[in-house]
Amino acid sequence: MTYNLWETDSRNLIRSFQSEPEALAFVVDEAAERGANAIESWALMSQDDNGHVEGIAAGGELVARARRLVTA
């Protein structure tokens, strides 16, 4: 399973991760450094080995999920 952060406005891949916690930690770090508003257009998607893609969270929901799960 791969976890990909996407910039939804430009449809560019920001970065790929091997686990959701890794991706969420990156989101928390970026929100702290750049501000939550700077990453409002990001979305986290998972992709399994068969190529099935599933949305996990985007925008403010992504930031909230990241903060909740990383600081728990």
N, C-alpha and C. Protein backbone atom coordinates (compact mmCIF):
# COMPACT_ATOMS: atom_id res chain seq x y z
N MET A 1 0.85 -1.18 0.00
CA MET A 1 0.00 0.00 0.00
C MET A 1 0.89 1.23 0.00
N THR A 2 0.51 2.19 -0.81
CA THR A 2 1.22 3.46 -0.89
C THR A 2 0.24 4.57 -0.54
N TYR A 3 0.73 5.60 0.13
CA TYR A 3 -0.08 6.76 0.50
C TYR A 3 0.50 7.98 -0.20
N ASN A 4 -0.32 8.63 -1.01
CA ASN A 4 0.14 9.73 -1.83
C ASN A 4 -0.55 11.03 -1.44
N LEU A 5 0.24 12.06 -1.28
CA LEU A 5 -0.29 13.40 -1.06
C LEU A 5 -0.33 14.11 -2.41
N TRP A 6 -1.50 14.65 -2.74
CA TRP A 6 -1.71 15.35 -4.00
C TRP A 6 -2.07 16.80 -3.76
N GLU A 7 -1.61 17.66 -4.64
CA GLU A 7 -2.03 19.06 -4.68
C GLU A 7 -3.19 19.09 -5.66
N THR A 8 -4.40 19.28 -5.16
CA THR A 8 -5.58 19.08 -6.00
C THR A 8 -5.77 20.18 -7.03
N ASP A 9 -5.31 21.38 -6.78
CA ASP A 9 -5.47 22.46 -7.76
C ASP A 9 -4.63 22.19 -9.02
N SER A 10 -3.38 21.80 -8.81
CA SER A 10 -2.49 21.55 -9.94
C SER A 10 -2.46 20.09 -10.37
N ARG A 11 -3.04 19.22 -9.55
CA ARG A 11 -3.04 17.76 -9.79
C ARG A 11 -1.63 17.19 -9.80
N ASN A 12 -0.76 17.77 -9.00
CA ASN A 12 0.62 17.30 -8.89
C ASN A 12 0.80 16.45 -7.64
N LEU A 13 1.59 15.41 -7.78
CA LEU A 13 1.96 14.58 -6.64
C LEU A 13 2.96 15.35 -5.79
N ILE A 14 2.68 15.47 -4.51
CA ILE A 14 3.59 16.15 -3.59
C ILE A 14 4.65 15.18 -3.11
N ARG A 15 4.18 14.01 -2.62
CA ARG A 15 5.11 13.03 -2.07
C ARG A 15 4.38 11.73 -1.81
N SER A 16 5.10 10.61 -1.86
CA SER A 16 4.56 9.29 -1.56
C SER A 16 5.16 8.76 -0.27
N PHE A 17 4.37 7.96 0.44
CA PHE A 17 4.79 7.40 1.72
C PHE A 17 4.41 5.92 1.78
N GLN A 18 5.10 5.19 2.63
CA GLN A 18 4.82 3.77 2.80
C GLN A 18 3.73 3.50 3.83
N SER A 19 3.40 4.52 4.64
CA SER A 19 2.36 4.33 5.66
C SER A 19 1.57 5.61 5.84
N GLU A 20 0.34 5.46 6.30
CA GLU A 20 -0.48 6.64 6.57
C GLU A 20 0.10 7.49 7.69
N PRO A 21 0.58 6.90 8.81
CA PRO A 21 1.17 7.74 9.85
C PRO A 21 2.34 8.58 9.36
N GLU A 22 3.15 8.04 8.46
CA GLU A 22 4.25 8.80 7.87
C GLU A 22 3.73 10.02 7.11
N ALA A 23 2.70 9.79 6.30
CA ALA A 23 2.11 10.87 5.52
C ALA A 23 1.49 11.93 6.42
N LEU A 24 0.80 11.49 7.46
CA LEU A 24 0.14 12.44 8.36
C LEU A 24 1.15 13.25 9.16
N ALA A 25 2.27 12.63 9.54
CA ALA A 25 3.32 13.37 10.23
C ALA A 25 3.88 14.47 9.33
N PHE A 26 4.03 14.17 8.05
CA PHE A 26 4.49 15.17 7.08
C PHE A 26 3.49 16.32 7.00
N VAL A 27 2.20 16.01 6.96
CA VAL A 27 1.15 17.03 6.89
C VAL A 27 1.22 17.93 8.12
N VAL A 28 1.37 17.35 9.30
CA VAL A 28 1.46 18.14 10.54
C VAL A 28 2.67 19.06 10.49
N ASP A 29 3.81 18.53 10.06
CA ASP A 29 5.02 19.34 9.97
C ASP A 29 4.85 20.50 8.99
N GLU A 30 4.27 20.22 7.84
CA GLU A 30 4.07 21.26 6.83
C GLU A 30 3.05 22.31 7.30
N ALA A 31 2.00 21.87 7.98
CA ALA A 31 1.01 22.81 8.50
C ALA A 31 1.65 23.72 9.55
N ALA A 32 2.52 23.16 10.38
CA ALA A 32 3.20 23.96 11.40
C ALA A 32 4.16 24.96 10.77
N GLU A 33 4.84 24.53 9.72
CA GLU A 33 5.84 25.39 9.08
C GLU A 33 5.22 26.44 8.16
N ARG A 34 4.23 26.03 7.38
CA ARG A 34 3.68 26.90 6.33
C ARG A 34 2.30 27.47 6.66
N GLY A 35 1.66 26.91 7.67
CA GLY A 35 0.30 27.31 8.01
C GLY A 35 -0.71 26.37 7.37
N ALA A 36 -1.78 26.08 8.07
CA ALA A 36 -2.79 25.14 7.59
C ALA A 36 -3.42 25.61 6.28
N ASN A 37 -3.56 26.92 6.11
CA ASN A 37 -4.17 27.44 4.89
C ASN A 37 -3.34 27.11 3.65
N ALA A 38 -2.04 26.99 3.82
CA ALA A 38 -1.15 26.73 2.69
C ALA A 38 -1.33 25.33 2.12
N ILE A 39 -1.92 24.44 2.90
CA ILE A 39 -2.09 23.06 2.43
C ILE A 39 -3.57 22.67 2.33
N GLU A 40 -4.43 23.65 2.24
CA GLU A 40 -5.87 23.39 2.12
C GLU A 40 -6.22 22.65 0.84
N SER A 41 -5.39 22.73 -0.18
CA SER A 41 -5.69 22.08 -1.45
C SER A 41 -5.03 20.71 -1.58
N TRP A 42 -4.55 20.16 -0.47
CA TRP A 42 -3.93 18.84 -0.48
C TRP A 42 -4.96 17.75 -0.23
N ALA A 43 -4.69 16.57 -0.77
CA ALA A 43 -5.53 15.39 -0.53
C ALA A 43 -4.62 14.19 -0.33
N LEU A 44 -5.02 13.31 0.59
CA LEU A 44 -4.29 12.08 0.84
C LEU A 44 -5.09 10.92 0.26
N MET A 45 -4.41 10.14 -0.59
CA MET A 45 -5.03 9.00 -1.25
C MET A 45 -4.19 7.75 -0.97
N SER A 46 -4.86 6.62 -0.86
CA SER A 46 -4.13 5.36 -0.74
C SER A 46 -4.25 4.60 -2.05
N GLN A 47 -3.22 3.81 -2.35
CA GLN A 47 -3.24 2.97 -3.54
C GLN A 47 -2.70 1.60 -3.19
N ASP A 48 -3.52 0.56 -3.44
CA ASP A 48 -3.06 -0.79 -3.12
C ASP A 48 -2.25 -1.37 -4.27
N ASP A 49 -1.77 -2.59 -4.08
CA ASP A 49 -0.90 -3.22 -5.06
C ASP A 49 -1.61 -3.53 -6.38
N ASN A 50 -2.94 -3.51 -6.37
CA ASN A 50 -3.72 -3.76 -7.58
C ASN A 50 -4.07 -2.46 -8.31
N GLY A 51 -3.62 -1.33 -7.78
CA GLY A 51 -3.89 -0.05 -8.40
C GLY A 51 -5.17 0.62 -7.96
N HIS A 52 -5.89 0.02 -7.02
CA HIS A 52 -7.13 0.61 -6.50
C HIS A 52 -6.78 1.83 -5.66
N VAL A 53 -7.39 2.97 -5.99
CA VAL A 53 -7.12 4.23 -5.30
C VAL A 53 -8.34 4.60 -4.47
N GLU A 54 -8.07 5.07 -3.25
CA GLU A 54 -9.14 5.48 -2.34
C GLU A 54 -8.76 6.79 -1.66
N GLY A 55 -9.69 7.72 -1.63
CA GLY A 55 -9.47 8.98 -0.93
C GLY A 55 -9.57 8.79 0.57
N ILE A 56 -8.66 9.39 1.30
CA ILE A 56 -8.66 9.30 2.77
C ILE A 56 -9.18 10.59 3.37
N ALA A 57 -8.59 11.71 3.01
CA ALA A 57 -9.02 13.01 3.54
C ALA A 57 -8.40 14.12 2.68
N ALA A 58 -9.05 15.28 2.72
CA ALA A 58 -8.55 16.42 1.94
C ALA A 58 -8.82 17.71 2.70
N GLY A 59 -8.04 18.75 2.34
CA GLY A 59 -8.25 20.09 2.88
C GLY A 59 -8.18 20.15 4.39
N GLY A 60 -9.11 20.89 4.97
CA GLY A 60 -9.15 21.05 6.41
C GLY A 60 -9.35 19.74 7.15
N GLU A 61 -10.09 18.83 6.53
CA GLU A 61 -10.30 17.51 7.13
C GLU A 61 -8.99 16.74 7.23
N LEU A 62 -8.14 16.89 6.22
CA LEU A 62 -6.82 16.23 6.23
C LEU A 62 -5.96 16.79 7.35
N VAL A 63 -5.93 18.09 7.50
CA VAL A 63 -5.13 18.72 8.55
C VAL A 63 -5.65 18.29 9.92
N ALA A 64 -6.95 18.29 10.10
CA ALA A 64 -7.53 17.88 11.39
C ALA A 64 -7.23 16.41 11.69
N ARG A 65 -7.37 15.55 10.68
CA ARG A 65 -7.08 14.13 10.87
C ARG A 65 -5.60 13.92 11.24
N ALA A 66 -4.74 14.63 10.55
CA ALA A 66 -3.31 14.51 10.82
C ALA A 66 -2.99 14.94 12.24
N ARG A 67 -3.50 16.08 12.63
CA ARG A 67 -3.22 16.57 14.00
C ARG A 67 -3.78 15.62 15.05
N ARG A 68 -4.96 15.11 14.81
CA ARG A 68 -5.60 14.21 15.78
C ARG A 68 -4.82 12.90 15.92
N LEU A 69 -4.41 12.31 14.80
CA LEU A 69 -3.77 11.01 14.85
C LEU A 69 -2.28 11.08 15.20
N VAL A 70 -1.61 12.15 14.82
CA VAL A 70 -0.18 12.27 15.10
C VAL A 70 0.06 12.64 16.56
N THR A 71 -0.80 13.47 17.11
CA THR A 71 -0.59 13.91 18.49
C THR A 71 -1.26 12.99 19.51
N ALA A 72 -1.97 11.95 19.05
CA ALA A 72 -2.65 11.03 19.96
C ALA A 72 -1.68 10.10 20.66
